[in-house]
Amino acid sequence: MLSDSEKRFISHWEKVRIPYSTTSSKFKRGLPMALIFGSSLFLSLVAVYFFSPEWYTKISQRANSSVFAIIIGLFLCVLFFAYFKMHFKWEMDEQLFNELKAKQKKYLETTTFFDRMQSSGIGEFSEMTEAEKKWYENYLKEKNKKNEN
């Protein structure tokens, strides 16, 4: 049986799994965290460049020409981080969704509607198999006939 949080996750993921799977969505949702990641790298490079220029020029003999390459590299790192962070998160959520759906299917296959109704206190008509629905409808008809007599 699924907990309430698992049921909420399943209903949420059924709504957003397709829109979240697009490349543009992954970039848009991952960009804020990637910019924080990239800004920390950029600030550390700026700090080294301005506060310790002799060390920076000793390490790199072409200090002025490499700034553009560093900015391009940093931009590519931000894009890579933005996409793959959200792609990884999407994959993890998709795996959890599939596991929960399998757990739900197994539970529905191994228990009858009446077992589920007895354990939860309430039964949902949509969880019944076709045979259970027919039996339950016939049961209600017979019960109504008895009440009328």
C-alpha atoms as a PDB file:
ATOM      1  CA  MET A   1       0.000   0.000   0.000  1.00  0.00           C
ATOM      2  CA  LEU A   2       1.303   3.454  -0.866  1.00  0.00           C
ATOM      3  CA  SER A   3       1.649   6.224   1.689  1.00  0.00           C
ATOM      4  CA  ASP A   4       0.029   9.615   1.168  1.00  0.00           C
ATOM      5  CA  SER A   5       3.318  11.237   0.158  1.00  0.00           C
ATOM      6  CA  GLU A   6       3.930   8.504  -2.417  1.00  0.00           C
ATOM      7  CA  LYS A   7       0.444   8.988  -3.844  1.00  0.00           C
ATOM      8  CA  ARG A   8       1.005  12.752  -4.019  1.00  0.00           C
ATOM      9  CA  PHE A   9       4.346  12.192  -5.781  1.00  0.00           C
ATOM     10  CA  ILE A  10       2.719   9.890  -8.350  1.00  0.00           C
ATOM     11  CA  SER A  11      -0.042  12.380  -9.139  1.00  0.00           C
ATOM     12  CA  HIS A  12       2.472  15.263  -9.323  1.00  0.00           C
ATOM     13  CA  TRP A  13       4.896  13.342 -11.531  1.00  0.00           C
ATOM     14  CA  GLU A  14       2.141  12.225 -13.916  1.00  0.00           C
ATOM     15  CA  LYS A  15       1.385  15.912 -14.521  1.00  0.00           C
ATOM     16  CA  VAL A  16       4.952  17.201 -14.955  1.00  0.00           C
ATOM     17  CA  ARG A  17       7.001  14.290 -16.299  1.00  0.00           C
ATOM     18  CA  ILE A  18       6.552  15.179 -19.985  1.00  0.00           C
ATOM     19  CA  PRO A  19       7.157  18.949 -19.654  1.00  0.00           C
ATOM     20  CA  TYR A  20      10.179  18.341 -17.395  1.00  0.00           C
ATOM     21  CA  SER A  21      11.713  15.916 -19.904  1.00  0.00           C
ATOM     22  CA  THR A  22      12.424  18.586 -22.531  1.00  0.00           C
ATOM     23  CA  THR A  23      15.930  19.970 -22.959  1.00  0.00           C
ATOM     24  CA  SER A  24      14.815  23.580 -22.671  1.00  0.00           C
ATOM     25  CA  SER A  25      13.008  22.865 -19.404  1.00  0.00           C
ATOM     26  CA  LYS A  26      16.115  21.207 -17.983  1.00  0.00           C
ATOM     27  CA  PHE A  27      18.216  24.244 -18.893  1.00  0.00           C
ATOM     28  CA  LYS A  28      15.669  26.703 -17.469  1.00  0.00           C
ATOM     29  CA  ARG A  29      15.199  24.884 -14.191  1.00  0.00           C
ATOM     30  CA  GLY A  30      18.912  24.099 -13.740  1.00  0.00           C
ATOM     31  CA  LEU A  31      20.282  27.511 -14.658  1.00  0.00           C
ATOM     32  CA  PRO A  32      19.842  29.245 -11.263  1.00  0.00           C
ATOM     33  CA  MET A  33      21.890  26.627  -9.405  1.00  0.00           C
ATOM     34  CA  ALA A  34      24.430  26.500 -12.223  1.00  0.00           C
ATOM     35  CA  LEU A  35      24.851  30.282 -12.106  1.00  0.00           C
ATOM     36  CA  ILE A  36      25.537  30.100  -8.376  1.00  0.00           C
ATOM     37  CA  PHE A  37      28.093  27.380  -9.090  1.00  0.00           C
ATOM     38  CA  GLY A  38      29.647  29.407 -11.933  1.00  0.00           C
ATOM     39  CA  SER A  39      29.677  32.680 -10.017  1.00  0.00           C
ATOM     40  CA  SER A  40      31.684  31.123  -7.203  1.00  0.00           C
ATOM     41  CA  LEU A  41      34.255  29.916  -9.732  1.00  0.00           C
ATOM     42  CA  PHE A  42      34.298  33.297 -11.442  1.00  0.00           C
ATOM     43  CA  LEU A  43      34.729  35.155  -8.138  1.00  0.00           C
ATOM     44  CA  SER A  44      37.634  32.929  -7.135  1.00  0.00           C
ATOM     45  CA  LEU A  45      39.346  33.610 -10.479  1.00  0.00           C
ATOM     46  CA  VAL A  46      38.764  37.357 -10.095  1.00  0.00           C
ATOM     47  CA  ALA A  47      40.133  37.267  -6.559  1.00  0.00           C
ATOM     48  CA  VAL A  48      43.291  35.499  -7.697  1.00  0.00           C
ATOM     49  CA  TYR A  49      43.694  37.812 -10.683  1.00  0.00           C
ATOM     50  CA  PHE A  50      43.309  41.069  -8.727  1.00  0.00           C
ATOM     51  CA  PHE A  51      44.671  40.204  -5.287  1.00  0.00           C
ATOM     52  CA  SER A  52      47.602  38.109  -6.373  1.00  0.00           C
ATOM     53  CA  PRO A  53      48.578  39.261  -9.894  1.00  0.00           C
ATOM     54  CA  GLU A  54      52.233  38.189  -9.617  1.00  0.00           C
ATOM     55  CA  TRP A  55      51.219  34.622  -8.807  1.00  0.00           C
ATOM     56  CA  TYR A  56      48.707  34.577 -11.662  1.00  0.00           C
ATOM     57  CA  THR A  57      51.253  35.826 -14.235  1.00  0.00           C
ATOM     58  CA  LYS A  58      53.840  33.318 -13.035  1.00  0.00           C
ATOM     59  CA  ILE A  59      51.401  30.491 -13.603  1.00  0.00           C
ATOM     60  CA  SER A  60      50.135  31.805 -16.924  1.00  0.00           C
ATOM     61  CA  GLN A  61      52.535  33.664 -19.174  1.00  0.00           C
ATOM     62  CA  ARG A  62      49.634  34.886 -21.333  1.00  0.00           C
ATOM     63  CA  ALA A  63      47.438  36.400 -18.649  1.00  0.00           C
ATOM     64  CA  ASN A  64      45.571  38.898 -20.837  1.00  0.00           C
ATOM     65  CA  SER A  65      44.696  36.599 -23.726  1.00  0.00           C
ATOM     66  CA  SER A  66      43.504  33.706 -21.561  1.00  0.00           C
ATOM     67  CA  VAL A  67      40.722  35.698 -19.853  1.00  0.00           C
ATOM     68  CA  PHE A  68      38.389  35.243 -22.828  1.00  0.00           C
ATOM     69  CA  ALA A  69      39.079  31.493 -22.929  1.00  0.00           C
ATOM     70  CA  ILE A  70      38.427  31.245 -19.188  1.00  0.00           C
ATOM     71  CA  ILE A  71      35.074  33.025 -19.548  1.00  0.00           C
ATOM     72  CA  ILE A  72      34.036  30.737 -22.413  1.00  0.00           C
ATOM     73  CA  GLY A  73      35.109  27.693 -20.412  1.00  0.00           C
ATOM     74  CA  LEU A  74      33.185  28.918 -17.398  1.00  0.00           C
ATOM     75  CA  PHE A  75      30.094  29.525 -19.548  1.00  0.00           C
ATOM     76  CA  LEU A  76      30.314  25.966 -20.910  1.00  0.00           C
ATOM     77  CA  CYS A  77      30.690  24.610 -17.369  1.00  0.00           C
ATOM     78  CA  VAL A  78      27.542  26.477 -16.305  1.00  0.00           C
ATOM     79  CA  LEU A  79      25.563  25.070 -19.251  1.00  0.00           C
ATOM     80  CA  PHE A  80      26.853  21.553 -18.604  1.00  0.00           C
ATOM     81  CA  PHE A  81      26.046  21.789 -14.888  1.00  0.00           C
ATOM     82  CA  ALA A  82      22.559  23.236 -15.551  1.00  0.00           C
ATOM     83  CA  TYR A  83      21.535  20.513 -17.992  1.00  0.00           C
ATOM     84  CA  PHE A  84      23.037  17.454 -16.335  1.00  0.00           C
ATOM     85  CA  LYS A  85      21.954  18.365 -12.819  1.00  0.00           C
ATOM     86  CA  MET A  86      18.332  18.562 -13.909  1.00  0.00           C
ATOM     87  CA  HIS A  87      18.653  15.535 -16.190  1.00  0.00           C
ATOM     88  CA  PHE A  88      19.969  13.502 -13.249  1.00  0.00           C
ATOM     89  CA  LYS A  89      17.107  14.752 -11.060  1.00  0.00           C
ATOM     90  CA  TRP A  90      14.581  13.866 -13.785  1.00  0.00           C
ATOM     91  CA  GLU A  91      16.054  10.363 -14.107  1.00  0.00           C
ATOM     92  CA  MET A  92      15.892   9.815 -10.342  1.00  0.00           C
ATOM     93  CA  ASP A  93      12.271  11.006 -10.165  1.00  0.00           C
ATOM     94  CA  GLU A  94      11.337   8.852 -13.161  1.00  0.00           C
ATOM     95  CA  GLN A  95      12.917   5.802 -11.523  1.00  0.00           C
ATOM     96  CA  LEU A  96      11.046   6.469  -8.266  1.00  0.00           C
ATOM     97  CA  PHE A  97       7.808   6.925 -10.224  1.00  0.00           C
ATOM     98  CA  ASN A  98       8.271   3.596 -12.027  1.00  0.00           C
ATOM     99  CA  GLU A  99       9.075   1.816  -8.749  1.00  0.00           C
ATOM    100  CA  LEU A 100       5.990   3.244  -7.050  1.00  0.00           C
ATOM    101  CA  LYS A 101       3.763   2.353 -10.001  1.00  0.00           C
ATOM    102  CA  ALA A 102       5.118  -1.221  -9.912  1.00  0.00           C
ATOM    103  CA  LYS A 103       4.497  -1.371  -6.157  1.00  0.00           C
ATOM    104  CA  GLN A 104       0.964  -0.075  -6.666  1.00  0.00           C
ATOM    105  CA  LYS A 105       0.291  -2.558  -9.472  1.00  0.00           C
ATOM    106  CA  LYS A 106       1.605  -5.456  -7.394  1.00  0.00           C
ATOM    107  CA  TYR A 107      -0.572  -4.409  -4.460  1.00  0.00           C
ATOM    108  CA  LEU A 108      -3.665  -4.192  -6.661  1.00  0.00           C
ATOM    109  CA  GLU A 109      -2.943  -7.578  -8.247  1.00  0.00           C
ATOM    110  CA  THR A 110      -2.269  -9.434  -5.011  1.00  0.00           C
ATOM    111  CA  THR A 111      -5.183  -8.135  -2.963  1.00  0.00           C
ATOM    112  CA  THR A 112      -8.892  -8.139  -3.648  1.00  0.00           C
ATOM    113  CA  PHE A 113     -10.996  -5.015  -3.526  1.00  0.00           C
ATOM    114  CA  PHE A 114     -12.560  -6.156  -0.273  1.00  0.00           C
ATOM    115  CA  ASP A 115      -9.157  -6.687   1.370  1.00  0.00           C
ATOM    116  CA  ARG A 116      -8.198  -3.164   0.361  1.00  0.00           C
ATOM    117  CA  MET A 117     -11.526  -1.809   1.574  1.00  0.00           C
ATOM    118  CA  GLN A 118     -11.163  -3.583   4.900  1.00  0.00           C
ATOM    119  CA  SER A 119      -7.542  -2.468   5.462  1.00  0.00           C
ATOM    120  CA  SER A 120      -8.128   1.183   4.546  1.00  0.00           C
ATOM    121  CA  GLY A 121     -11.651   1.550   5.793  1.00  0.00           C
ATOM    122  CA  ILE A 122     -12.786   2.884   2.427  1.00  0.00           C
ATOM    123  CA  GLY A 123     -12.700   1.386  -1.034  1.00  0.00           C
ATOM    124  CA  GLU A 124     -12.547   3.191  -4.301  1.00  0.00           C
ATOM    125  CA  PHE A 125     -14.722   1.886  -7.110  1.00  0.00           C
ATOM    126  CA  SER A 126     -11.980   2.740  -9.636  1.00  0.00           C
ATOM    127  CA  GLU A 127      -9.590   0.255  -7.985  1.00  0.00           C
ATOM    128  CA  MET A 128     -11.903  -2.696  -8.641  1.00  0.00           C
ATOM    129  CA  THR A 129     -11.313  -5.214 -11.360  1.00  0.00           C
ATOM    130  CA  GLU A 130     -14.129  -5.736 -13.866  1.00  0.00           C
ATOM    131  CA  ALA A 131     -15.271  -8.931 -12.158  1.00  0.00           C
ATOM    132  CA  GLU A 132     -15.316  -7.202  -8.763  1.00  0.00           C
ATOM    133  CA  LYS A 133     -17.326  -4.293 -10.212  1.00  0.00           C
ATOM    134  CA  LYS A 134     -19.955  -6.669 -11.656  1.00  0.00           C
ATOM    135  CA  TRP A 135     -20.171  -8.627  -8.432  1.00  0.00           C
ATOM    136  CA  TYR A 136     -20.478  -5.422  -6.370  1.00  0.00           C
ATOM    137  CA  GLU A 137     -23.190  -4.006  -8.657  1.00  0.00           C
ATOM    138  CA  ASN A 138     -25.168  -7.258  -8.383  1.00  0.00           C
ATOM    139  CA  TYR A 139     -24.696  -7.203  -4.615  1.00  0.00           C
ATOM    140  CA  LEU A 140     -26.066  -3.652  -4.431  1.00  0.00           C
ATOM    141  CA  LYS A 141     -29.044  -4.564  -6.634  1.00  0.00           C
ATOM    142  CA  GLU A 142     -29.905  -7.528  -4.419  1.00  0.00           C
ATOM    143  CA  LYS A 143     -29.520  -5.411  -1.309  1.00  0.00           C
ATOM    144  CA  ASN A 144     -31.849  -2.746  -2.751  1.00  0.00           C
ATOM    145  CA  LYS A 145     -34.427  -5.409  -3.655  1.00  0.00           C
ATOM    146  CA  LYS A 146     -34.386  -6.728  -0.106  1.00  0.00           C
ATOM    147  CA  ASN A 147     -34.773  -3.233   1.284  1.00  0.00           C
ATOM    148  CA  GLU A 148     -37.767  -2.535  -0.966  1.00  0.00           C
ATOM    149  CA  ASN A 149     -39.579  -5.689   0.215  1.00  0.00           C
END
